[in-house]
Amino acid sequence: AVVSAQSTGWAPQMNPFDRITIGLGDEMRKYPIYYNLERFASELKKLFPQSEHDAIDKYCQLIKDFAKMPKAITGVLKLMPLPLTKLLLKLGCFKKQLIRCQETTASVVKGLTSNKDLQTVFTYCWGDYGTEPDHSSFRTQAALMHHFAGTGGFYPVGGASE
């Protein structure tokens, strides 16, 4: 189907391409979100204490690890009952980190850090796929973060009417 008689040009969003604001008034904290995972991590490390840097690195590594996973395997594991998935993992049929397909976004993030602001930053885009972190698969979160980490976002040149 043709959306427009003219070809649509796409322009990248600025970097940072998103911002998170937590709190109000004097308690307000802002966290810019950058594409490119290395930049994302380095900018977060400027805003969080040294004690949180390991959690930031581990989160980014999990995003990269999930991006390398074959999509069919993660889908099958997500559909299987958790006890069967755990058995297959215990038998060594899949990499240990594939268990994260059965873990919620919230449980993975809480396992990385107890810092509430950093947990919020790690899970901020859950609204894009519509399932709260307590109920969403970390695989979904990782896929979306990997997508944004590559290029950020784009918008149609001239606006949505173009």
N, C-alpha and C. Protein backbone atom coordinates (compact mmCIF):
# COMPACT_ATOMS: atom_id res chain seq x y z
N ALA A 1 0.84 -1.18 0.00
CA ALA A 1 0.00 0.00 0.00
C ALA A 1 0.88 1.24 0.00
N VAL A 2 0.47 2.23 -0.72
CA VAL A 2 1.21 3.47 -0.80
C VAL A 2 0.72 4.41 0.30
N VAL A 3 1.65 4.85 1.12
CA VAL A 3 1.31 5.77 2.18
C VAL A 3 1.40 7.21 1.67
N SER A 4 2.31 7.44 0.74
CA SER A 4 2.53 8.77 0.21
C SER A 4 2.90 8.67 -1.26
N ALA A 5 2.48 9.64 -2.05
CA ALA A 5 2.84 9.66 -3.46
C ALA A 5 4.32 9.99 -3.64
N GLN A 6 4.90 10.63 -2.65
CA GLN A 6 6.31 10.97 -2.67
C GLN A 6 7.06 10.03 -1.74
N SER A 7 8.34 9.85 -2.03
CA SER A 7 9.12 9.02 -1.11
C SER A 7 9.38 9.82 0.17
N THR A 8 9.35 9.12 1.26
CA THR A 8 9.53 9.75 2.55
C THR A 8 11.00 9.69 2.93
N GLY A 9 11.54 10.83 3.31
CA GLY A 9 12.91 10.88 3.80
C GLY A 9 12.91 10.73 5.31
N TRP A 10 13.94 10.09 5.82
CA TRP A 10 14.02 9.85 7.26
C TRP A 10 15.27 10.52 7.81
N ALA A 11 15.11 11.18 8.93
CA ALA A 11 16.23 11.86 9.59
C ALA A 11 16.43 11.27 10.98
N PRO A 12 17.68 11.09 11.39
CA PRO A 12 17.91 10.55 12.73
C PRO A 12 17.54 11.56 13.81
N GLN A 13 17.10 11.04 14.93
CA GLN A 13 16.86 11.89 16.08
C GLN A 13 18.21 12.32 16.65
N MET A 14 18.17 13.37 17.44
CA MET A 14 19.40 13.83 18.09
C MET A 14 19.86 12.79 19.11
N ASN A 15 21.10 12.89 19.50
CA ASN A 15 21.65 12.03 20.53
C ASN A 15 22.07 12.92 21.69
N PRO A 16 21.44 12.87 22.86
CA PRO A 16 20.54 11.82 23.30
C PRO A 16 19.20 11.88 22.58
N PHE A 17 18.63 10.69 22.36
CA PHE A 17 17.36 10.61 21.65
C PHE A 17 16.17 10.55 22.59
N ASP A 18 16.44 10.42 23.89
CA ASP A 18 15.37 10.35 24.87
C ASP A 18 15.90 10.85 26.22
N ARG A 19 14.98 11.20 27.11
CA ARG A 19 15.35 11.65 28.45
C ARG A 19 14.36 11.08 29.45
N ILE A 20 14.89 10.73 30.61
CA ILE A 20 14.05 10.23 31.70
C ILE A 20 14.09 11.28 32.79
N THR A 21 12.93 11.64 33.31
CA THR A 21 12.85 12.58 34.43
C THR A 21 12.18 11.85 35.58
N ILE A 22 12.83 11.89 36.73
CA ILE A 22 12.32 11.23 37.93
C ILE A 22 12.21 12.28 39.03
N GLY A 23 11.08 12.33 39.70
CA GLY A 23 10.90 13.28 40.80
C GLY A 23 10.37 14.62 40.32
N LEU A 24 10.11 15.49 41.30
CA LEU A 24 9.55 16.81 41.03
C LEU A 24 10.36 17.89 41.76
N GLY A 25 10.29 19.11 41.25
CA GLY A 25 10.90 20.26 41.93
C GLY A 25 12.37 20.05 42.22
N ASP A 26 12.77 20.31 43.45
CA ASP A 26 14.17 20.18 43.86
C ASP A 26 14.65 18.73 43.85
N GLU A 27 13.71 17.80 43.85
CA GLU A 27 14.04 16.37 43.84
C GLU A 27 14.16 15.80 42.43
N MET A 28 13.98 16.64 41.40
CA MET A 28 13.98 16.18 40.01
C MET A 28 15.38 15.76 39.57
N ARG A 29 15.44 14.57 38.95
CA ARG A 29 16.68 14.06 38.39
C ARG A 29 16.42 13.72 36.93
N LYS A 30 17.36 14.09 36.06
CA LYS A 30 17.20 13.84 34.63
C LYS A 30 18.32 12.94 34.14
N TYR A 31 17.93 11.98 33.30
CA TYR A 31 18.88 11.02 32.74
C TYR A 31 18.72 10.97 31.22
N PRO A 32 19.69 11.49 30.48
CA PRO A 32 19.60 11.40 29.02
C PRO A 32 19.90 9.97 28.55
N ILE A 33 19.22 9.54 27.48
CA ILE A 33 19.41 8.21 26.92
C ILE A 33 20.06 8.36 25.55
N TYR A 34 21.22 7.74 25.40
CA TYR A 34 22.00 7.81 24.17
C TYR A 34 21.93 6.49 23.42
N TYR A 35 21.96 6.57 22.07
CA TYR A 35 22.13 5.33 21.32
C TYR A 35 23.61 5.03 21.24
N ASN A 36 23.92 3.80 20.91
CA ASN A 36 25.25 3.21 21.00
C ASN A 36 25.44 2.78 22.47
N LEU A 37 25.49 1.49 22.71
CA LEU A 37 25.54 0.98 24.08
C LEU A 37 26.76 1.47 24.85
N GLU A 38 27.88 1.64 24.17
CA GLU A 38 29.07 2.12 24.87
C GLU A 38 28.85 3.55 25.37
N ARG A 39 28.25 4.37 24.54
CA ARG A 39 27.98 5.75 24.95
C ARG A 39 26.90 5.76 26.04
N PHE A 40 25.88 4.95 25.87
CA PHE A 40 24.83 4.82 26.88
C PHE A 40 25.46 4.53 28.24
N ALA A 41 26.36 3.54 28.28
CA ALA A 41 27.01 3.15 29.53
C ALA A 41 27.90 4.26 30.07
N SER A 42 28.71 4.85 29.21
CA SER A 42 29.65 5.88 29.70
C SER A 42 28.92 7.10 30.23
N GLU A 43 27.81 7.47 29.59
CA GLU A 43 27.05 8.63 30.08
C GLU A 43 26.34 8.31 31.39
N LEU A 44 25.82 7.09 31.54
CA LEU A 44 25.20 6.71 32.81
C LEU A 44 26.22 6.69 33.95
N LYS A 45 27.42 6.25 33.65
CA LYS A 45 28.46 6.19 34.68
C LYS A 45 28.82 7.57 35.21
N LYS A 46 28.61 8.60 34.41
CA LYS A 46 28.84 9.97 34.86
C LYS A 46 27.77 10.42 35.86
N LEU A 47 26.61 9.78 35.81
CA LEU A 47 25.47 10.20 36.62
C LEU A 47 25.21 9.33 37.85
N PHE A 48 25.84 8.16 37.88
CA PHE A 48 25.64 7.23 39.00
C PHE A 48 26.97 6.98 39.70
N PRO A 49 26.90 6.64 40.99
CA PRO A 49 28.14 6.40 41.74
C PRO A 49 28.93 5.21 41.20
N GLN A 50 30.19 5.18 41.49
CA GLN A 50 31.11 4.12 41.07
C GLN A 50 30.55 2.74 41.43
N SER A 51 29.87 2.65 42.56
CA SER A 51 29.32 1.37 43.00
C SER A 51 28.28 0.80 42.04
N GLU A 52 27.74 1.62 41.14
CA GLU A 52 26.73 1.17 40.17
C GLU A 52 27.32 0.87 38.79
N HIS A 53 28.59 1.15 38.59
CA HIS A 53 29.19 0.97 37.26
C HIS A 53 29.19 -0.48 36.81
N ASP A 54 29.39 -1.41 37.72
CA ASP A 54 29.36 -2.83 37.37
C ASP A 54 27.97 -3.24 36.89
N ALA A 55 26.92 -2.73 37.55
CA ALA A 55 25.55 -3.03 37.14
C ALA A 55 25.27 -2.48 35.73
N ILE A 56 25.77 -1.29 35.45
CA ILE A 56 25.60 -0.69 34.12
C ILE A 56 26.29 -1.55 33.07
N ASP A 57 27.50 -1.98 33.36
CA ASP A 57 28.23 -2.83 32.40
C ASP A 57 27.53 -4.16 32.19
N LYS A 58 27.05 -4.77 33.26
CA LYS A 58 26.36 -6.06 33.15
C LYS A 58 25.06 -5.93 32.36
N TYR A 59 24.33 -4.85 32.58
CA TYR A 59 23.08 -4.62 31.84
C TYR A 59 23.38 -4.52 30.35
N CYS A 60 24.37 -3.73 30.00
CA CYS A 60 24.73 -3.57 28.58
C CYS A 60 25.21 -4.88 27.98
N GLN A 61 25.95 -5.66 28.76
CA GLN A 61 26.40 -6.96 28.26
C GLN A 61 25.22 -7.90 28.03
N LEU A 62 24.24 -7.87 28.93
CA LEU A 62 23.04 -8.69 28.73
C LEU A 62 22.31 -8.30 27.45
N ILE A 63 22.24 -7.01 27.17
CA ILE A 63 21.60 -6.55 25.94
C ILE A 63 22.34 -7.12 24.73
N LYS A 64 23.66 -7.06 24.75
CA LYS A 64 24.47 -7.60 23.64
C LYS A 64 24.31 -9.11 23.53
N ASP A 65 24.32 -9.80 24.67
CA ASP A 65 24.18 -11.26 24.67
C ASP A 65 22.84 -11.69 24.06
N PHE A 66 21.78 -11.02 24.44
CA PHE A 66 20.47 -11.37 23.92
C PHE A 66 20.36 -11.08 22.43
N ALA A 67 21.05 -10.06 21.97
CA ALA A 67 21.02 -9.73 20.53
C ALA A 67 21.65 -10.83 19.70
N LYS A 68 22.57 -11.59 20.28
CA LYS A 68 23.26 -12.67 19.57
C LYS A 68 22.47 -13.98 19.57
N MET A 69 21.45 -14.07 20.42
CA MET A 69 20.69 -15.31 20.53
C MET A 69 19.84 -15.57 19.30
N PRO A 70 19.79 -16.82 18.86
CA PRO A 70 18.86 -17.14 17.77
C PRO A 70 17.42 -16.87 18.23
N LYS A 71 16.68 -16.17 17.42
CA LYS A 71 15.32 -15.77 17.80
C LYS A 71 14.39 -16.96 18.00
N ALA A 72 14.53 -18.00 17.20
CA ALA A 72 13.65 -19.16 17.32
C ALA A 72 13.82 -19.84 18.66
N ILE A 73 15.06 -19.97 19.14
CA ILE A 73 15.30 -20.63 20.42
C ILE A 73 14.65 -19.86 21.55
N THR A 74 14.81 -18.54 21.54
CA THR A 74 14.24 -17.76 22.64
C THR A 74 12.71 -17.85 22.63
N GLY A 75 12.11 -17.88 21.46
CA GLY A 75 10.66 -18.01 21.37
C GLY A 75 10.18 -19.34 21.91
N VAL A 76 10.85 -20.43 21.53
CA VAL A 76 10.49 -21.76 22.00
C VAL A 76 10.64 -21.84 23.52
N LEU A 77 11.76 -21.31 24.05
CA LEU A 77 11.97 -21.36 25.50
C LEU A 77 10.92 -20.54 26.24
N LYS A 78 10.49 -19.45 25.67
CA LYS A 78 9.49 -18.61 26.31
C LYS A 78 8.14 -19.33 26.38
N LEU A 79 7.85 -20.14 25.39
CA LEU A 79 6.57 -20.84 25.35
C LEU A 79 6.55 -22.11 26.19
N MET A 80 7.73 -22.66 26.47
CA MET A 80 7.80 -23.89 27.27
C MET A 80 7.50 -23.61 28.74
N PRO A 81 6.99 -24.60 29.44
CA PRO A 81 6.83 -24.46 30.89
C PRO A 81 8.19 -24.25 31.54
N LEU A 82 8.24 -23.41 32.56
CA LEU A 82 9.50 -23.08 33.22
C LEU A 82 10.26 -24.31 33.71
N PRO A 83 9.61 -25.31 34.32
CA PRO A 83 10.37 -26.49 34.76
C PRO A 83 11.08 -27.21 33.61
N LEU A 84 10.44 -27.30 32.45
CA LEU A 84 11.06 -27.94 31.29
C LEU A 84 12.25 -27.12 30.81
N THR A 85 12.09 -25.82 30.76
CA THR A 85 13.19 -24.95 30.36
C THR A 85 14.38 -25.11 31.30
N LYS A 86 14.10 -25.11 32.60
CA LYS A 86 15.18 -25.28 33.60
C LYS A 86 15.87 -26.62 33.43
N LEU A 87 15.11 -27.68 33.16
CA LEU A 87 15.69 -29.00 32.95
C LEU A 87 16.62 -28.99 31.73
N LEU A 88 16.15 -28.43 30.63
CA LEU A 88 16.98 -28.37 29.43
C LEU A 88 18.26 -27.57 29.66
N LEU A 89 18.13 -26.49 30.41
CA LEU A 89 19.31 -25.69 30.73
C LEU A 89 20.27 -26.46 31.63
N LYS A 90 19.73 -27.17 32.60
CA LYS A 90 20.55 -27.96 33.52
C LYS A 90 21.28 -29.06 32.77
N LEU A 91 20.62 -29.63 31.77
CA LEU A 91 21.25 -30.68 30.96
C LEU A 91 22.28 -30.10 29.98
N GLY A 92 22.35 -28.78 29.92
CA GLY A 92 23.34 -28.14 29.04
C GLY A 92 22.90 -27.99 27.61
N CYS A 93 21.60 -28.08 27.36
CA CYS A 93 21.11 -27.97 25.98
C CYS A 93 21.21 -26.55 25.42
N PHE A 94 21.18 -25.56 26.30
CA PHE A 94 21.24 -24.16 25.89
C PHE A 94 22.18 -23.41 26.81
N LYS A 95 22.58 -22.23 26.38
CA LYS A 95 23.41 -21.39 27.23
C LYS A 95 22.63 -21.01 28.49
N LYS A 96 23.36 -20.89 29.60
CA LYS A 96 22.73 -20.58 30.88
C LYS A 96 21.92 -19.29 30.84
N GLN A 97 22.38 -18.29 30.12
CA GLN A 97 21.69 -17.01 30.12
C GLN A 97 20.32 -17.06 29.44
N LEU A 98 20.03 -18.13 28.70
CA LEU A 98 18.72 -18.24 28.07
C LEU A 98 17.59 -18.32 29.09
N ILE A 99 17.92 -18.65 30.33
CA ILE A 99 16.89 -18.67 31.37
C ILE A 99 16.26 -17.29 31.51
N ARG A 100 16.97 -16.26 31.10
CA ARG A 100 16.44 -14.89 31.18
C ARG A 100 15.20 -14.72 30.31
N CYS A 101 15.00 -15.61 29.36
CA CYS A 101 13.77 -15.54 28.54
C CYS A 101 12.55 -15.81 29.40
N GLN A 102 12.72 -16.55 30.47
CA GLN A 102 11.62 -16.86 31.38
C GLN A 102 11.56 -15.88 32.54
N GLU A 103 12.61 -15.10 32.75
CA GLU A 103 12.64 -14.14 33.85
C GLU A 103 12.00 -12.83 33.44
N THR A 104 11.40 -12.16 34.38
CA THR A 104 10.81 -10.87 34.08
C THR A 104 11.90 -9.80 34.01
N THR A 105 11.57 -8.73 33.34
CA THR A 105 12.48 -7.59 33.26
C THR A 105 12.81 -7.10 34.66
N ALA A 106 11.80 -6.97 35.51
CA ALA A 106 12.01 -6.46 36.86
C ALA A 106 12.95 -7.36 37.66
N SER A 107 12.80 -8.68 37.56
CA SER A 107 13.65 -9.57 38.35
C SER A 107 15.11 -9.50 37.90
N VAL A 108 15.33 -9.37 36.60
CA VAL A 108 16.71 -9.25 36.09
C VAL A 108 17.32 -7.95 36.56
N VAL A 109 16.59 -6.86 36.41
CA VAL A 109 17.12 -5.54 36.77
C VAL A 109 17.35 -5.44 38.28
N LYS A 110 16.42 -5.95 39.07
CA LYS A 110 16.60 -5.93 40.53
C LYS A 110 17.78 -6.79 40.95
N GLY A 111 18.11 -7.80 40.15
CA GLY A 111 19.29 -8.62 40.43
C GLY A 111 20.59 -7.91 40.11
N LEU A 112 20.52 -6.87 39.31
CA LEU A 112 21.71 -6.10 38.95
C LEU A 112 21.99 -4.97 39.92
N THR A 113 20.93 -4.32 40.41
CA THR A 113 21.10 -3.14 41.26
C THR A 113 19.88 -2.93 42.16
N SER A 114 20.13 -2.34 43.31
CA SER A 114 19.02 -1.95 44.19
C SER A 114 18.73 -0.46 44.06
N ASN A 115 19.50 0.25 43.24
CA ASN A 115 19.32 1.68 43.02
C ASN A 115 18.04 1.90 42.20
N LYS A 116 17.03 2.52 42.81
CA LYS A 116 15.72 2.68 42.16
C LYS A 116 15.80 3.53 40.90
N ASP A 117 16.62 4.57 40.91
CA ASP A 117 16.74 5.39 39.70
C ASP A 117 17.36 4.59 38.57
N LEU A 118 18.39 3.82 38.86
CA LEU A 118 19.03 3.02 37.82
C LEU A 118 18.08 1.93 37.31
N GLN A 119 17.30 1.34 38.21
CA GLN A 119 16.29 0.37 37.78
C GLN A 119 15.30 1.02 36.82
N THR A 120 14.92 2.25 37.12
CA THR A 120 13.98 2.98 36.25
C THR A 120 14.60 3.25 34.89
N VAL A 121 15.86 3.66 34.88
CA VAL A 121 16.55 3.91 33.61
C VAL A 121 16.62 2.62 32.79
N PHE A 122 16.98 1.52 33.43
CA PHE A 122 17.10 0.24 32.73
C PHE A 122 15.76 -0.24 32.15
N THR A 123 14.65 0.17 32.74
CA THR A 123 13.34 -0.34 32.32
C THR A 123 12.44 0.72 31.72
N TYR A 124 12.96 1.90 31.47
CA TYR A 124 12.11 3.04 31.12
C TYR A 124 11.27 2.82 29.86
N CYS A 125 11.71 2.03 28.91
CA CYS A 125 10.99 1.92 27.64
C CYS A 125 9.93 0.83 27.62
N TRP A 126 9.55 0.31 28.79
CA TRP A 126 8.55 -0.76 28.81
C TRP A 126 7.23 -0.33 28.18
N GLY A 127 6.93 0.96 28.22
CA GLY A 127 5.69 1.44 27.62
C GLY A 127 5.65 1.25 26.11
N ASP A 128 6.83 1.12 25.48
CA ASP A 128 6.87 0.91 24.03
C ASP A 128 6.31 -0.46 23.64
N TYR A 129 6.43 -1.43 24.53
CA TYR A 129 5.86 -2.75 24.21
C TYR A 129 4.67 -3.09 25.10
N GLY A 130 4.34 -2.20 26.05
CA GLY A 130 3.07 -2.25 26.75
C GLY A 130 2.91 -3.22 27.91
N THR A 131 3.98 -3.85 28.35
CA THR A 131 3.86 -4.76 29.48
C THR A 131 4.81 -4.30 30.59
N GLU A 132 4.27 -4.12 31.78
CA GLU A 132 5.07 -3.62 32.89
C GLU A 132 6.23 -4.55 33.18
N PRO A 133 7.35 -4.00 33.69
CA PRO A 133 8.54 -4.81 33.96
C PRO A 133 8.30 -6.03 34.85
N ASP A 134 7.33 -5.95 35.75
CA ASP A 134 7.02 -7.10 36.62
C ASP A 134 6.42 -8.27 35.84
N HIS A 135 5.93 -8.00 34.63
CA HIS A 135 5.26 -9.04 33.84
C HIS A 135 5.90 -9.30 32.48
N SER A 136 6.83 -8.46 32.07
CA SER A 136 7.43 -8.63 30.74
C SER A 136 8.66 -9.52 30.79
N SER A 137 8.91 -10.20 29.69
CA SER A 137 10.12 -11.01 29.55
C SER A 137 11.31 -10.09 29.36
N PHE A 138 12.41 -10.40 30.03
CA PHE A 138 13.62 -9.59 29.82
C PHE A 138 14.05 -9.65 28.36
N ARG A 139 13.73 -10.73 27.68
CA ARG A 139 14.09 -10.86 26.25
C ARG A 139 13.47 -9.72 25.44
N THR A 140 12.24 -9.37 25.74
CA THR A 140 11.57 -8.28 25.03
C THR A 140 12.26 -6.95 25.32
N GLN A 141 12.57 -6.71 26.59
CA GLN A 141 13.27 -5.49 26.98
C GLN A 141 14.62 -5.40 26.27
N ALA A 142 15.36 -6.49 26.26
CA ALA A 142 16.68 -6.51 25.64
C ALA A 142 16.59 -6.25 24.14
N ALA A 143 15.59 -6.83 23.50
CA ALA A 143 15.43 -6.63 22.05
C ALA A 143 15.16 -5.16 21.73
N LEU A 144 14.30 -4.53 22.51
CA LEU A 144 14.00 -3.13 22.26
C LEU A 144 15.20 -2.24 22.55
N MET A 145 15.89 -2.49 23.65
CA MET A 145 17.07 -1.68 23.97
C MET A 145 18.16 -1.87 22.92
N HIS A 146 18.33 -3.08 22.41
CA HIS A 146 19.32 -3.32 21.37
C HIS A 146 18.95 -2.56 20.10
N HIS A 147 17.67 -2.56 19.77
CA HIS A 147 17.19 -1.82 18.60
C HIS A 147 17.52 -0.33 18.73
N PHE A 148 17.16 0.26 19.87
CA PHE A 148 17.43 1.69 20.07
C PHE A 148 18.92 1.97 20.20
N ALA A 149 19.67 1.03 20.75
CA ALA A 149 21.10 1.24 20.95
C ALA A 149 21.85 1.36 19.63
N GLY A 150 21.31 0.75 18.60
CA GLY A 150 22.00 0.78 17.32
C GLY A 150 21.93 2.13 16.63
N THR A 151 20.75 2.71 16.57
CA THR A 151 20.58 3.94 15.79
C THR A 151 19.76 5.00 16.49
N GLY A 152 19.23 4.72 17.64
CA GLY A 152 18.33 5.68 18.26
C GLY A 152 16.97 5.59 17.60
N GLY A 153 16.51 6.67 17.06
CA GLY A 153 15.23 6.67 16.37
C GLY A 153 15.29 7.58 15.17
N PHE A 154 14.29 7.48 14.32
CA PHE A 154 14.20 8.31 13.12
C PHE A 154 12.81 8.91 13.03
N TYR A 155 12.68 9.99 12.33
CA TYR A 155 11.39 10.61 12.11
C TYR A 155 11.30 11.05 10.65
N PRO A 156 10.09 11.17 10.11
CA PRO A 156 9.95 11.58 8.71
C PRO A 156 10.32 13.06 8.52
N VAL A 157 11.16 13.31 7.53
CA VAL A 157 11.54 14.69 7.21
C VAL A 157 10.29 15.44 6.80
N GLY A 158 10.07 16.58 7.39
CA GLY A 158 8.89 17.37 7.09
C GLY A 158 7.74 17.09 8.05
N GLY A 159 7.88 16.11 8.93
CA GLY A 159 6.84 15.79 9.90
C GLY A 159 5.99 14.61 9.48
N ALA A 160 5.08 14.24 10.34
CA ALA A 160 4.25 13.06 10.11
C ALA A 160 3.33 13.19 8.91
N SER A 161 2.99 14.42 8.53
CA SER A 161 2.08 14.60 7.39
C SER A 161 2.75 14.27 6.06
N GLU A 162 4.06 14.22 6.06
CA GLU A 162 4.79 13.90 4.84
C GLU A 162 4.72 12.41 4.59
